[in-house]
């Protein structure tokens, strides 16, 4: 109950109202993560209470910036931020992409355990992954530098795709080396309850051709 209350209060402090049942699902996700973490090298965080801020609330912080209907989480790892976002956005369709099959075994188990019907899990290198439809939102958390990320996954972006790069400290050096075919439309400092660390969201779109 303490974990659920921490999550609910933290989300409320960020101005987010979680869907009914979502808090319970995400606490169940944290418990799964706690059990699997050691054997599958999923996260260095072992304390479930710390996972609430560092993983769940950190992921949910980008919820207001999602566009649908199709969202892809590139380099999802243990399902972050994709699983929390999918739980909080049942009307959107999520693709969770990673090349680490061991981690994706956990992600598939979590998706099944949480009964998330709006999630597809894909094992592939992002450079090799192809989709018939372009994604409305592409989100990445601790996947690569912004220039490297855009080089790897730019082919998944259509002209109206919103790319959300989740970062810690403001990545000035990365922003100075943006490829010319993309543009930064906003940089937002995020406040995460219970997390004493800098967090920034960089919002990027393809640059429209003249």
N, C-alpha and C. Protein backbone atom coordinates (compact mmCIF):
# COMPACT_ATOMS: atom_id res chain seq x y z
N UNK A 1 0.83 -1.21 0.00
CA UNK A 1 0.00 0.00 0.00
C UNK A 1 0.86 1.26 0.00
N UNK A 2 2.00 1.18 0.69
CA UNK A 2 2.90 2.34 0.75
C UNK A 2 3.45 2.68 -0.63
N UNK A 3 3.78 1.67 -1.41
CA UNK A 3 4.29 1.92 -2.76
C UNK A 3 3.21 2.55 -3.63
N UNK A 4 2.01 2.04 -3.54
CA UNK A 4 0.91 2.58 -4.34
C UNK A 4 0.64 4.04 -3.97
N UNK A 5 0.68 4.34 -2.67
CA UNK A 5 0.44 5.71 -2.23
C UNK A 5 1.55 6.63 -2.71
N UNK A 6 2.80 6.17 -2.64
CA UNK A 6 3.93 6.99 -3.13
C UNK A 6 3.78 7.29 -4.61
N UNK A 7 3.36 6.28 -5.38
CA UNK A 7 3.17 6.46 -6.81
C UNK A 7 2.03 7.43 -7.09
N UNK A 8 0.90 7.22 -6.43
CA UNK A 8 -0.27 8.06 -6.67
C UNK A 8 0.00 9.51 -6.27
N UNK A 9 0.61 9.71 -5.12
CA UNK A 9 0.90 11.06 -4.67
C UNK A 9 1.95 11.73 -5.55
N UNK A 10 2.96 10.95 -5.98
CA UNK A 10 3.97 11.50 -6.87
C UNK A 10 3.38 11.92 -8.21
N UNK A 11 2.51 11.08 -8.75
CA UNK A 11 1.85 11.42 -10.02
C UNK A 11 0.99 12.66 -9.85
N UNK A 12 0.29 12.75 -8.74
CA UNK A 12 -0.56 13.91 -8.47
C UNK A 12 0.28 15.19 -8.39
N UNK A 13 1.44 15.09 -7.76
CA UNK A 13 2.34 16.25 -7.64
C UNK A 13 2.82 16.73 -9.01
N UNK A 14 2.87 15.81 -9.97
CA UNK A 14 3.28 16.16 -11.34
C UNK A 14 2.09 16.57 -12.20
N UNK A 15 0.91 16.60 -11.59
CA UNK A 15 -0.28 16.99 -12.33
C UNK A 15 -0.86 15.89 -13.18
N UNK A 16 -0.57 14.64 -12.81
CA UNK A 16 -1.04 13.49 -13.59
C UNK A 16 -2.10 12.72 -12.81
N UNK A 17 -3.16 12.34 -13.49
CA UNK A 17 -4.18 11.49 -12.91
C UNK A 17 -4.10 10.12 -13.57
N UNK A 18 -3.73 9.11 -12.81
CA UNK A 18 -3.57 7.77 -13.36
C UNK A 18 -4.92 7.12 -13.59
N UNK A 19 -5.00 6.31 -14.65
CA UNK A 19 -6.22 5.55 -14.94
C UNK A 19 -6.55 4.62 -13.77
N UNK A 20 -7.84 4.35 -13.55
CA UNK A 20 -8.21 3.42 -12.47
C UNK A 20 -7.49 2.07 -12.63
N UNK A 21 -6.90 1.62 -11.57
CA UNK A 21 -6.19 0.34 -11.59
C UNK A 21 -4.75 0.44 -12.04
N UNK A 22 -4.35 1.57 -12.63
CA UNK A 22 -2.99 1.68 -13.15
C UNK A 22 -1.95 1.66 -12.04
N UNK A 23 -2.23 2.32 -10.92
CA UNK A 23 -1.27 2.34 -9.82
C UNK A 23 -1.00 0.93 -9.30
N UNK A 24 -2.07 0.13 -9.18
CA UNK A 24 -1.89 -1.25 -8.72
C UNK A 24 -1.07 -2.06 -9.71
N UNK A 25 -1.33 -1.85 -11.01
CA UNK A 25 -0.57 -2.55 -12.04
C UNK A 25 0.92 -2.19 -11.96
N UNK A 26 1.20 -0.91 -11.78
CA UNK A 26 2.60 -0.48 -11.79
C UNK A 26 3.34 -0.91 -10.53
N UNK A 27 2.64 -1.02 -9.42
CA UNK A 27 3.27 -1.58 -8.22
C UNK A 27 3.58 -3.06 -8.45
N UNK A 28 2.68 -3.76 -9.12
CA UNK A 28 2.94 -5.16 -9.46
C UNK A 28 4.16 -5.26 -10.39
N UNK A 29 4.29 -4.30 -11.31
CA UNK A 29 5.46 -4.24 -12.20
C UNK A 29 6.75 -4.07 -11.39
N UNK A 30 6.72 -3.17 -10.41
CA UNK A 30 7.88 -2.94 -9.56
C UNK A 30 8.25 -4.22 -8.81
N UNK A 31 7.25 -4.95 -8.32
CA UNK A 31 7.53 -6.20 -7.60
C UNK A 31 8.16 -7.23 -8.54
N UNK A 32 7.68 -7.29 -9.77
CA UNK A 32 8.29 -8.19 -10.77
C UNK A 32 9.73 -7.77 -11.04
N UNK A 33 9.94 -6.48 -11.20
CA UNK A 33 11.27 -5.95 -11.47
C UNK A 33 12.22 -6.27 -10.33
N UNK A 34 11.70 -6.17 -9.12
CA UNK A 34 12.51 -6.49 -7.94
C UNK A 34 12.94 -7.96 -7.96
N UNK A 35 12.04 -8.85 -8.36
CA UNK A 35 12.35 -10.28 -8.36
C UNK A 35 13.31 -10.66 -9.49
N UNK A 36 13.14 -10.04 -10.63
CA UNK A 36 13.94 -10.40 -11.80
C UNK A 36 15.26 -9.64 -11.91
N UNK A 37 15.38 -8.53 -11.22
CA UNK A 37 16.48 -7.59 -11.45
C UNK A 37 17.85 -8.22 -11.34
N UNK A 38 18.07 -8.99 -10.28
CA UNK A 38 19.40 -9.54 -10.05
C UNK A 38 19.86 -10.52 -11.11
N UNK A 39 18.98 -11.45 -11.49
CA UNK A 39 19.39 -12.50 -12.43
C UNK A 39 19.45 -12.02 -13.87
N UNK A 40 18.70 -10.95 -14.20
CA UNK A 40 18.66 -10.50 -15.59
C UNK A 40 19.33 -9.14 -15.80
N UNK A 41 19.99 -8.62 -14.75
CA UNK A 41 20.71 -7.36 -14.87
C UNK A 41 19.81 -6.26 -15.44
N UNK A 42 18.60 -6.15 -14.89
CA UNK A 42 17.61 -5.21 -15.42
C UNK A 42 17.81 -3.79 -14.93
N UNK A 43 18.22 -3.65 -13.68
CA UNK A 43 18.39 -2.32 -13.09
C UNK A 43 19.34 -2.41 -11.92
N UNK A 44 20.08 -1.34 -11.70
CA UNK A 44 20.97 -1.28 -10.54
C UNK A 44 20.19 -0.93 -9.27
N UNK A 45 18.97 -0.46 -9.45
CA UNK A 45 18.12 -0.09 -8.30
C UNK A 45 17.47 -1.35 -7.74
N UNK A 46 17.62 -1.59 -6.45
CA UNK A 46 17.06 -2.80 -5.83
C UNK A 46 15.90 -2.49 -4.88
N UNK A 47 15.82 -1.25 -4.41
CA UNK A 47 14.79 -0.88 -3.44
C UNK A 47 13.51 -0.50 -4.18
N UNK A 48 12.40 -1.21 -3.93
CA UNK A 48 11.14 -0.90 -4.62
C UNK A 48 10.69 0.54 -4.42
N UNK A 49 10.91 1.09 -3.23
CA UNK A 49 10.51 2.48 -2.99
C UNK A 49 11.30 3.42 -3.89
N UNK A 50 12.56 3.14 -4.06
CA UNK A 50 13.39 3.98 -4.94
C UNK A 50 12.98 3.82 -6.39
N UNK A 51 12.50 2.62 -6.76
CA UNK A 51 12.04 2.39 -8.13
C UNK A 51 10.84 3.27 -8.48
N UNK A 52 10.02 3.62 -7.49
CA UNK A 52 8.85 4.45 -7.76
C UNK A 52 9.26 5.77 -8.40
N UNK A 53 10.23 6.45 -7.78
CA UNK A 53 10.66 7.73 -8.35
C UNK A 53 11.59 7.58 -9.53
N UNK A 54 12.59 6.72 -9.38
CA UNK A 54 13.64 6.63 -10.40
C UNK A 54 13.15 5.98 -11.69
N UNK A 55 12.19 5.08 -11.60
CA UNK A 55 11.72 4.39 -12.80
C UNK A 55 10.29 4.78 -13.20
N UNK A 56 9.34 4.66 -12.27
CA UNK A 56 7.94 4.89 -12.64
C UNK A 56 7.63 6.37 -12.87
N UNK A 57 7.88 7.21 -11.87
CA UNK A 57 7.55 8.62 -12.01
C UNK A 57 8.42 9.29 -13.08
N UNK A 58 9.66 8.85 -13.16
CA UNK A 58 10.55 9.38 -14.21
C UNK A 58 9.99 9.08 -15.59
N UNK A 59 9.44 7.88 -15.77
CA UNK A 59 8.83 7.51 -17.05
C UNK A 59 7.54 8.29 -17.29
N UNK A 60 6.70 8.37 -16.27
CA UNK A 60 5.41 9.03 -16.42
C UNK A 60 5.53 10.53 -16.65
N UNK A 61 6.69 11.11 -16.35
CA UNK A 61 6.86 12.55 -16.52
C UNK A 61 6.68 13.00 -17.96
N UNK A 62 6.87 12.10 -18.91
CA UNK A 62 6.74 12.50 -20.32
C UNK A 62 5.34 12.23 -20.87
N UNK A 63 4.45 11.73 -20.01
CA UNK A 63 3.10 11.39 -20.44
C UNK A 63 2.38 12.54 -21.15
N UNK A 64 2.46 13.79 -20.66
CA UNK A 64 1.74 14.87 -21.32
C UNK A 64 2.23 15.19 -22.74
N UNK A 65 3.40 14.67 -23.10
CA UNK A 65 4.00 15.03 -24.38
C UNK A 65 3.83 13.94 -25.45
N UNK A 66 3.11 12.88 -25.10
CA UNK A 66 2.87 11.80 -26.06
C UNK A 66 1.84 12.21 -27.10
N UNK A 67 2.05 11.76 -28.32
CA UNK A 67 1.04 11.84 -29.36
C UNK A 67 0.74 10.42 -29.83
N UNK A 68 -0.48 10.19 -30.24
CA UNK A 68 -0.86 8.85 -30.70
C UNK A 68 -1.28 8.87 -32.15
N UNK A 69 -1.72 7.71 -32.64
CA UNK A 69 -2.04 6.53 -31.83
C UNK A 69 -0.86 5.58 -31.61
N UNK A 70 0.19 5.69 -32.44
CA UNK A 70 1.30 4.72 -32.37
C UNK A 70 2.51 5.34 -31.69
N UNK A 71 3.02 4.66 -30.67
CA UNK A 71 4.20 5.12 -29.93
C UNK A 71 5.22 3.99 -29.91
N UNK A 72 6.51 4.34 -30.11
CA UNK A 72 7.56 3.34 -30.00
C UNK A 72 8.57 3.77 -28.95
N UNK A 73 8.93 2.83 -28.09
CA UNK A 73 9.95 3.03 -27.06
C UNK A 73 11.22 2.33 -27.56
N UNK A 74 12.20 3.12 -27.95
CA UNK A 74 13.43 2.59 -28.54
C UNK A 74 14.45 2.31 -27.44
N UNK A 75 14.93 1.07 -27.37
CA UNK A 75 15.86 0.68 -26.33
C UNK A 75 15.15 0.56 -24.99
N UNK A 76 14.03 -0.16 -24.99
CA UNK A 76 13.16 -0.20 -23.81
C UNK A 76 13.80 -0.86 -22.60
N UNK A 77 14.80 -1.74 -22.81
CA UNK A 77 15.46 -2.39 -21.67
C UNK A 77 14.48 -3.22 -20.86
N UNK A 78 14.24 -2.80 -19.63
CA UNK A 78 13.31 -3.52 -18.75
C UNK A 78 11.86 -3.06 -18.94
N UNK A 79 11.62 -2.30 -20.00
CA UNK A 79 10.26 -1.82 -20.26
C UNK A 79 10.04 -0.38 -19.84
N UNK A 80 11.12 0.39 -19.80
CA UNK A 80 11.05 1.77 -19.35
C UNK A 80 11.48 2.72 -20.46
N UNK A 81 10.69 3.72 -20.76
CA UNK A 81 9.46 4.14 -20.07
C UNK A 81 8.18 3.48 -20.60
N UNK A 82 8.30 2.54 -21.54
CA UNK A 82 7.14 2.04 -22.27
C UNK A 82 6.03 1.44 -21.43
N UNK A 83 6.37 0.59 -20.45
CA UNK A 83 5.33 -0.07 -19.66
C UNK A 83 4.54 0.93 -18.81
N UNK A 84 5.19 1.82 -18.05
CA UNK A 84 4.40 2.81 -17.31
C UNK A 84 3.54 3.69 -18.22
N UNK A 85 4.08 4.09 -19.36
CA UNK A 85 3.32 4.95 -20.27
C UNK A 85 2.14 4.20 -20.88
N UNK A 86 2.34 2.93 -21.22
CA UNK A 86 1.25 2.13 -21.79
C UNK A 86 0.15 1.91 -20.77
N UNK A 87 0.54 1.70 -19.53
CA UNK A 87 -0.45 1.52 -18.46
C UNK A 87 -1.28 2.79 -18.29
N UNK A 88 -0.62 3.93 -18.37
CA UNK A 88 -1.31 5.21 -18.15
C UNK A 88 -2.03 5.72 -19.40
N UNK A 89 -1.78 5.10 -20.55
CA UNK A 89 -2.38 5.55 -21.81
C UNK A 89 -2.99 4.36 -22.55
N UNK A 90 -4.07 3.80 -22.04
CA UNK A 90 -4.63 2.58 -22.64
C UNK A 90 -5.18 2.79 -24.06
N UNK A 91 -5.41 4.02 -24.46
CA UNK A 91 -5.95 4.29 -25.80
C UNK A 91 -4.86 4.38 -26.86
N UNK A 92 -3.59 4.38 -26.45
CA UNK A 92 -2.48 4.43 -27.40
C UNK A 92 -1.88 3.04 -27.57
N UNK A 93 -1.26 2.82 -28.73
CA UNK A 93 -0.62 1.54 -29.02
C UNK A 93 0.90 1.70 -28.92
N UNK A 94 1.53 0.82 -28.15
CA UNK A 94 2.96 0.94 -27.88
C UNK A 94 3.73 -0.24 -28.47
N UNK A 95 4.87 0.08 -29.08
CA UNK A 95 5.84 -0.91 -29.50
C UNK A 95 7.08 -0.75 -28.63
N UNK A 96 7.46 -1.80 -27.92
CA UNK A 96 8.64 -1.77 -27.05
C UNK A 96 9.75 -2.53 -27.76
N UNK A 97 10.79 -1.81 -28.14
CA UNK A 97 11.84 -2.34 -29.00
C UNK A 97 13.17 -2.43 -28.27
N UNK A 98 13.83 -3.58 -28.38
CA UNK A 98 15.17 -3.73 -27.82
C UNK A 98 15.82 -4.95 -28.47
N UNK A 99 17.14 -4.98 -28.47
CA UNK A 99 17.84 -6.11 -29.06
C UNK A 99 18.27 -7.13 -28.01
N UNK A 100 18.09 -6.80 -26.72
CA UNK A 100 18.50 -7.69 -25.63
C UNK A 100 17.37 -8.66 -25.31
N UNK A 101 17.49 -9.88 -25.78
CA UNK A 101 16.41 -10.85 -25.63
C UNK A 101 16.18 -11.27 -24.18
N UNK A 102 17.23 -11.25 -23.38
CA UNK A 102 17.07 -11.61 -21.98
C UNK A 102 16.19 -10.59 -21.26
N UNK A 103 16.44 -9.32 -21.52
CA UNK A 103 15.61 -8.29 -20.92
C UNK A 103 14.19 -8.34 -21.46
N UNK A 104 14.05 -8.65 -22.75
CA UNK A 104 12.71 -8.70 -23.33
C UNK A 104 11.90 -9.89 -22.81
N UNK A 105 12.58 -10.93 -22.34
CA UNK A 105 11.86 -12.03 -21.70
C UNK A 105 11.12 -11.51 -20.47
N UNK A 106 11.78 -10.64 -19.73
CA UNK A 106 11.12 -10.01 -18.59
C UNK A 106 9.99 -9.10 -19.04
N UNK A 107 10.25 -8.29 -20.06
CA UNK A 107 9.23 -7.36 -20.55
C UNK A 107 7.97 -8.11 -20.97
N UNK A 108 8.14 -9.22 -21.69
CA UNK A 108 6.97 -10.00 -22.12
C UNK A 108 6.22 -10.56 -20.91
N UNK A 109 6.96 -11.02 -19.92
CA UNK A 109 6.32 -11.52 -18.70
C UNK A 109 5.53 -10.41 -18.01
N UNK A 110 6.13 -9.23 -17.95
CA UNK A 110 5.46 -8.10 -17.30
C UNK A 110 4.21 -7.69 -18.06
N UNK A 111 4.30 -7.61 -19.38
CA UNK A 111 3.15 -7.25 -20.20
C UNK A 111 2.01 -8.24 -20.00
N UNK A 112 2.37 -9.53 -19.93
CA UNK A 112 1.36 -10.58 -19.69
C UNK A 112 0.76 -10.46 -18.29
N UNK A 113 1.63 -10.28 -17.29
CA UNK A 113 1.17 -10.23 -15.91
C UNK A 113 0.27 -9.02 -15.65
N UNK A 114 0.56 -7.92 -16.33
CA UNK A 114 -0.21 -6.69 -16.15
C UNK A 114 -1.41 -6.60 -17.09
N UNK A 115 -1.55 -7.61 -17.97
CA UNK A 115 -2.65 -7.65 -18.95
C UNK A 115 -2.70 -6.38 -19.80
N UNK A 116 -1.52 -5.96 -20.28
CA UNK A 116 -1.45 -4.78 -21.13
C UNK A 116 -1.71 -5.19 -22.58
N UNK A 117 -2.90 -4.87 -23.07
CA UNK A 117 -3.29 -5.29 -24.42
C UNK A 117 -2.89 -4.28 -25.49
N UNK A 118 -2.30 -3.18 -25.08
CA UNK A 118 -1.90 -2.15 -26.04
C UNK A 118 -0.39 -2.11 -26.25
N UNK A 119 0.27 -3.26 -26.01
CA UNK A 119 1.73 -3.32 -26.10
C UNK A 119 2.16 -4.47 -27.00
N UNK A 120 3.07 -4.16 -27.93
CA UNK A 120 3.75 -5.17 -28.73
C UNK A 120 5.23 -5.12 -28.37
N UNK A 121 5.83 -6.28 -28.14
CA UNK A 121 7.25 -6.36 -27.77
C UNK A 121 8.03 -6.90 -28.97
N UNK A 122 9.07 -6.17 -29.37
CA UNK A 122 9.83 -6.54 -30.57
C UNK A 122 11.31 -6.66 -30.24
N UNK A 123 11.90 -7.81 -30.59
CA UNK A 123 13.33 -8.03 -30.40
C UNK A 123 14.05 -7.73 -31.72
N UNK A 124 14.75 -6.61 -31.78
CA UNK A 124 15.47 -6.24 -33.00
C UNK A 124 16.38 -5.05 -32.69
N UNK A 125 17.42 -4.93 -33.48
CA UNK A 125 18.22 -3.71 -33.44
C UNK A 125 17.41 -2.61 -34.11
N UNK A 126 17.43 -1.42 -33.54
CA UNK A 126 16.60 -0.35 -34.09
C UNK A 126 16.99 -0.04 -35.54
N UNK A 127 18.27 -0.19 -35.84
CA UNK A 127 18.72 0.10 -37.21
C UNK A 127 18.08 -0.86 -38.22
N UNK A 128 17.75 -2.07 -37.77
CA UNK A 128 17.20 -3.09 -38.66
C UNK A 128 15.68 -3.14 -38.66
N UNK A 129 15.07 -2.51 -37.69
CA UNK A 129 13.62 -2.60 -37.54
C UNK A 129 12.91 -1.74 -38.57
N UNK A 130 11.90 -2.30 -39.20
CA UNK A 130 11.09 -1.56 -40.16
C UNK A 130 9.62 -1.69 -39.79
N UNK A 131 8.87 -0.64 -40.01
CA UNK A 131 7.45 -0.64 -39.71
C UNK A 131 6.69 -0.08 -40.91
N UNK A 132 5.53 -0.68 -41.19
CA UNK A 132 4.72 -0.19 -42.31
C UNK A 132 4.21 1.22 -42.04
N UNK A 133 3.96 1.52 -40.77
CA UNK A 133 3.46 2.84 -40.42
C UNK A 133 4.51 3.62 -39.65
N UNK A 134 4.57 4.92 -39.88
CA UNK A 134 5.44 5.77 -39.09
C UNK A 134 4.80 5.99 -37.72
N UNK A 135 5.62 6.23 -36.73
CA UNK A 135 5.13 6.40 -35.37
C UNK A 135 4.85 7.87 -35.08
N UNK A 136 3.77 8.13 -34.36
CA UNK A 136 3.44 9.51 -33.99
C UNK A 136 4.42 10.03 -32.94
N UNK A 137 4.83 9.12 -32.04
CA UNK A 137 5.81 9.49 -31.00
C UNK A 137 6.88 8.42 -30.91
N UNK A 138 8.10 8.86 -30.85
CA UNK A 138 9.25 7.98 -30.61
C UNK A 138 9.88 8.45 -29.32
N UNK A 139 10.00 7.58 -28.33
CA UNK A 139 10.56 7.96 -27.04
C UNK A 139 11.77 7.10 -26.73
N UNK A 140 12.77 7.71 -26.12
CA UNK A 140 14.00 6.99 -25.79
C UNK A 140 14.53 7.49 -24.45
N UNK A 141 14.87 6.54 -23.59
CA UNK A 141 15.38 6.86 -22.25
C UNK A 141 16.73 6.18 -22.08
N UNK A 142 17.78 6.99 -22.00
CA UNK A 142 19.13 6.47 -21.77
C UNK A 142 19.54 5.44 -22.81
N UNK A 143 19.18 5.69 -24.06
CA UNK A 143 19.51 4.76 -25.13
C UNK A 143 20.86 5.08 -25.78
N UNK A 144 21.06 6.36 -26.13
CA UNK A 144 22.29 6.78 -26.79
C UNK A 144 22.33 8.30 -26.77
N UNK A 145 23.44 8.86 -27.24
CA UNK A 145 23.47 10.31 -27.40
C UNK A 145 22.41 10.71 -28.42
N UNK A 146 21.96 11.94 -28.37
CA UNK A 146 20.91 12.38 -29.28
C UNK A 146 21.32 12.22 -30.75
N UNK A 147 22.53 12.66 -31.16
CA UNK A 147 22.92 12.44 -32.56
C UNK A 147 22.93 10.97 -32.96
N UNK A 148 23.44 10.10 -32.06
CA UNK A 148 23.48 8.67 -32.37
C UNK A 148 22.08 8.08 -32.42
N UNK A 149 21.22 8.52 -31.52
CA UNK A 149 19.85 8.02 -31.50
C UNK A 149 19.14 8.38 -32.80
N UNK A 150 19.29 9.62 -33.24
CA UNK A 150 18.61 10.05 -34.46
C UNK A 150 19.16 9.33 -35.69
N UNK A 151 20.46 9.06 -35.67
CA UNK A 151 21.05 8.32 -36.78
C UNK A 151 20.51 6.89 -36.84
N UNK A 152 20.26 6.31 -35.66
CA UNK A 152 19.82 4.92 -35.59
C UNK A 152 18.34 4.76 -35.89
N UNK A 153 17.52 5.72 -35.45
CA UNK A 153 16.08 5.51 -35.55
C UNK A 153 15.35 6.56 -36.37
N UNK A 154 16.08 7.41 -37.05
CA UNK A 154 15.44 8.44 -37.86
C UNK A 154 14.52 7.89 -38.93
N UNK A 155 14.82 6.67 -39.41
CA UNK A 155 13.98 6.08 -40.46
C UNK A 155 12.59 5.71 -39.97
N UNK A 156 12.40 5.69 -38.65
CA UNK A 156 11.09 5.36 -38.10
C UNK A 156 10.20 6.60 -37.95
N UNK A 157 10.78 7.77 -38.21
CA UNK A 157 10.05 9.02 -38.02
C UNK A 157 9.46 9.53 -39.33
N UNK A 158 8.18 9.86 -39.29
CA UNK A 158 7.54 10.53 -40.41
C UNK A 158 7.68 12.04 -40.24
N UNK A 159 7.15 12.82 -41.15
CA UNK A 159 7.30 14.28 -41.08
C UNK A 159 6.68 14.90 -39.84
N UNK A 160 5.69 14.24 -39.23
CA UNK A 160 5.02 14.80 -38.06
C UNK A 160 5.36 14.07 -36.77
N UNK A 161 6.34 13.19 -36.81
CA UNK A 161 6.71 12.42 -35.61
C UNK A 161 7.33 13.33 -34.56
N UNK A 162 6.92 13.11 -33.32
CA UNK A 162 7.53 13.80 -32.18
C UNK A 162 8.50 12.84 -31.51
N UNK A 163 9.75 13.25 -31.38
CA UNK A 163 10.79 12.43 -30.77
C UNK A 163 11.08 12.98 -29.37
N UNK A 164 10.92 12.13 -28.37
CA UNK A 164 11.13 12.52 -26.98
C UNK A 164 12.41 11.86 -26.48
N UNK A 165 13.44 12.66 -26.27
CA UNK A 165 14.71 12.16 -25.75
C UNK A 165 14.78 12.49 -24.26
N UNK A 166 14.75 11.45 -23.43
CA UNK A 166 14.78 11.63 -21.98
C UNK A 166 16.23 11.64 -21.50
N UNK A 167 16.61 12.73 -20.83
CA UNK A 167 17.99 12.93 -20.43
C UNK A 167 18.09 13.32 -18.96
N UNK A 168 19.31 13.21 -18.42
CA UNK A 168 19.58 13.66 -17.07
C UNK A 168 19.91 15.15 -17.10
N UNK A 169 21.20 15.46 -17.00
CA UNK A 169 21.61 16.86 -17.09
C UNK A 169 21.38 17.35 -18.52
N UNK A 170 21.24 18.65 -18.67
CA UNK A 170 21.00 19.24 -19.99
C UNK A 170 22.14 18.87 -20.94
N UNK A 171 21.85 18.15 -22.04
CA UNK A 171 22.91 17.64 -22.92
C UNK A 171 23.37 18.67 -23.96
N UNK A 172 24.02 19.71 -23.49
CA UNK A 172 24.39 20.82 -24.39
C UNK A 172 25.29 20.35 -25.54
N UNK A 173 26.25 19.49 -25.24
CA UNK A 173 27.18 19.02 -26.26
C UNK A 173 26.43 18.22 -27.33
N UNK A 174 25.49 17.38 -26.91
CA UNK A 174 24.71 16.60 -27.87
C UNK A 174 23.85 17.51 -28.74
N UNK A 175 23.26 18.52 -28.14
CA UNK A 175 22.40 19.43 -28.89
C UNK A 175 23.20 20.25 -29.90
N UNK A 176 24.47 20.47 -29.59
CA UNK A 176 25.32 21.24 -30.51
C UNK A 176 25.67 20.44 -31.75
N UNK A 177 25.44 19.13 -31.72
CA UNK A 177 25.80 18.27 -32.86
C UNK A 177 24.58 17.58 -33.45
N UNK A 178 23.46 18.27 -33.40
CA UNK A 178 22.24 17.73 -33.99
C UNK A 178 22.39 17.60 -35.51
N UNK A 179 21.94 16.49 -36.10
CA UNK A 179 21.95 16.39 -37.55
C UNK A 179 21.01 17.43 -38.15
N UNK A 180 21.36 18.00 -39.30
CA UNK A 180 20.57 19.10 -39.86
C UNK A 180 19.15 18.73 -40.26
N UNK A 181 18.88 17.44 -40.41
CA UNK A 181 17.54 17.03 -40.84
C UNK A 181 16.53 17.01 -39.69
N UNK A 182 17.00 17.32 -38.46
CA UNK A 182 16.10 17.35 -37.30
C UNK A 182 16.25 18.69 -36.59
N UNK A 183 15.21 19.06 -35.84
CA UNK A 183 15.26 20.30 -35.09
C UNK A 183 14.69 20.10 -33.69
N UNK A 184 15.26 20.81 -32.73
CA UNK A 184 14.74 20.80 -31.36
C UNK A 184 13.64 21.84 -31.26
N UNK A 185 12.47 21.43 -30.80
CA UNK A 185 11.38 22.39 -30.65
C UNK A 185 11.16 22.79 -29.20
N UNK A 186 11.71 22.03 -28.25
CA UNK A 186 11.58 22.41 -26.85
C UNK A 186 12.54 21.58 -25.99
N UNK A 187 13.00 22.19 -24.91
CA UNK A 187 13.78 21.49 -23.89
C UNK A 187 13.12 21.81 -22.55
N UNK A 188 12.70 20.78 -21.84
CA UNK A 188 11.90 20.97 -20.63
C UNK A 188 12.63 20.36 -19.44
N UNK A 189 12.80 21.13 -18.39
CA UNK A 189 13.35 20.63 -17.13
C UNK A 189 12.22 19.95 -16.37
N UNK A 190 12.41 18.68 -16.04
CA UNK A 190 11.38 17.90 -15.37
C UNK A 190 11.65 17.82 -13.87
N UNK A 191 10.60 17.95 -13.08
CA UNK A 191 10.70 17.78 -11.63
C UNK A 191 10.07 16.44 -11.27
N UNK A 192 10.87 15.53 -10.77
CA UNK A 192 10.39 14.19 -10.43
C UNK A 192 10.34 14.05 -8.91
N UNK A 193 9.16 13.89 -8.32
CA UNK A 193 9.07 13.74 -6.86
C UNK A 193 9.90 12.55 -6.36
N UNK A 194 10.67 12.82 -5.33
CA UNK A 194 11.48 11.76 -4.72
C UNK A 194 12.77 11.47 -5.45
N UNK A 195 13.06 12.24 -6.48
CA UNK A 195 14.28 12.00 -7.25
C UNK A 195 15.16 13.24 -7.19
N UNK A 196 16.28 13.14 -6.50
CA UNK A 196 17.18 14.27 -6.32
C UNK A 196 18.24 14.25 -7.41
N UNK A 197 17.80 14.50 -8.63
CA UNK A 197 18.71 14.50 -9.77
C UNK A 197 18.07 15.30 -10.90
N UNK A 198 18.91 15.84 -11.75
CA UNK A 198 18.38 16.60 -12.88
C UNK A 198 17.75 15.68 -13.91
N UNK A 199 16.66 16.13 -14.48
CA UNK A 199 16.00 15.41 -15.57
C UNK A 199 15.54 16.43 -16.61
N UNK A 200 15.81 16.13 -17.86
CA UNK A 200 15.39 17.00 -18.95
C UNK A 200 14.73 16.17 -20.05
N UNK A 201 13.78 16.78 -20.70
CA UNK A 201 13.15 16.19 -21.87
C UNK A 201 13.44 17.08 -23.06
N UNK A 202 14.03 16.47 -24.09
CA UNK A 202 14.30 17.20 -25.34
C UNK A 202 13.30 16.72 -26.38
N UNK A 203 12.53 17.65 -26.91
CA UNK A 203 11.51 17.33 -27.91
C UNK A 203 12.02 17.73 -29.28
N UNK A 204 12.06 16.75 -30.18
CA UNK A 204 12.67 16.90 -31.50
C UNK A 204 11.66 16.51 -32.56
N UNK A 205 11.71 17.19 -33.70
CA UNK A 205 10.92 16.80 -34.85
C UNK A 205 11.79 16.82 -36.10
N UNK A 206 11.42 16.06 -37.13
CA UNK A 206 12.12 16.19 -38.40
C UNK A 206 11.95 17.62 -38.94
N UNK A 207 12.99 18.12 -39.54
CA UNK A 207 12.93 19.46 -40.12
C UNK A 207 12.19 19.39 -41.46
N UNK A 208 11.20 20.21 -41.59
CA UNK A 208 10.42 20.18 -42.85
C UNK A 208 11.25 20.73 -44.00
N UNK A 209 11.14 20.04 -45.11
CA UNK A 209 11.87 20.47 -46.30
C UNK A 209 11.16 21.66 -46.93
N UNK A 210 11.96 22.62 -47.35
CA UNK A 210 11.38 23.82 -47.98
C UNK A 210 10.82 23.49 -49.35
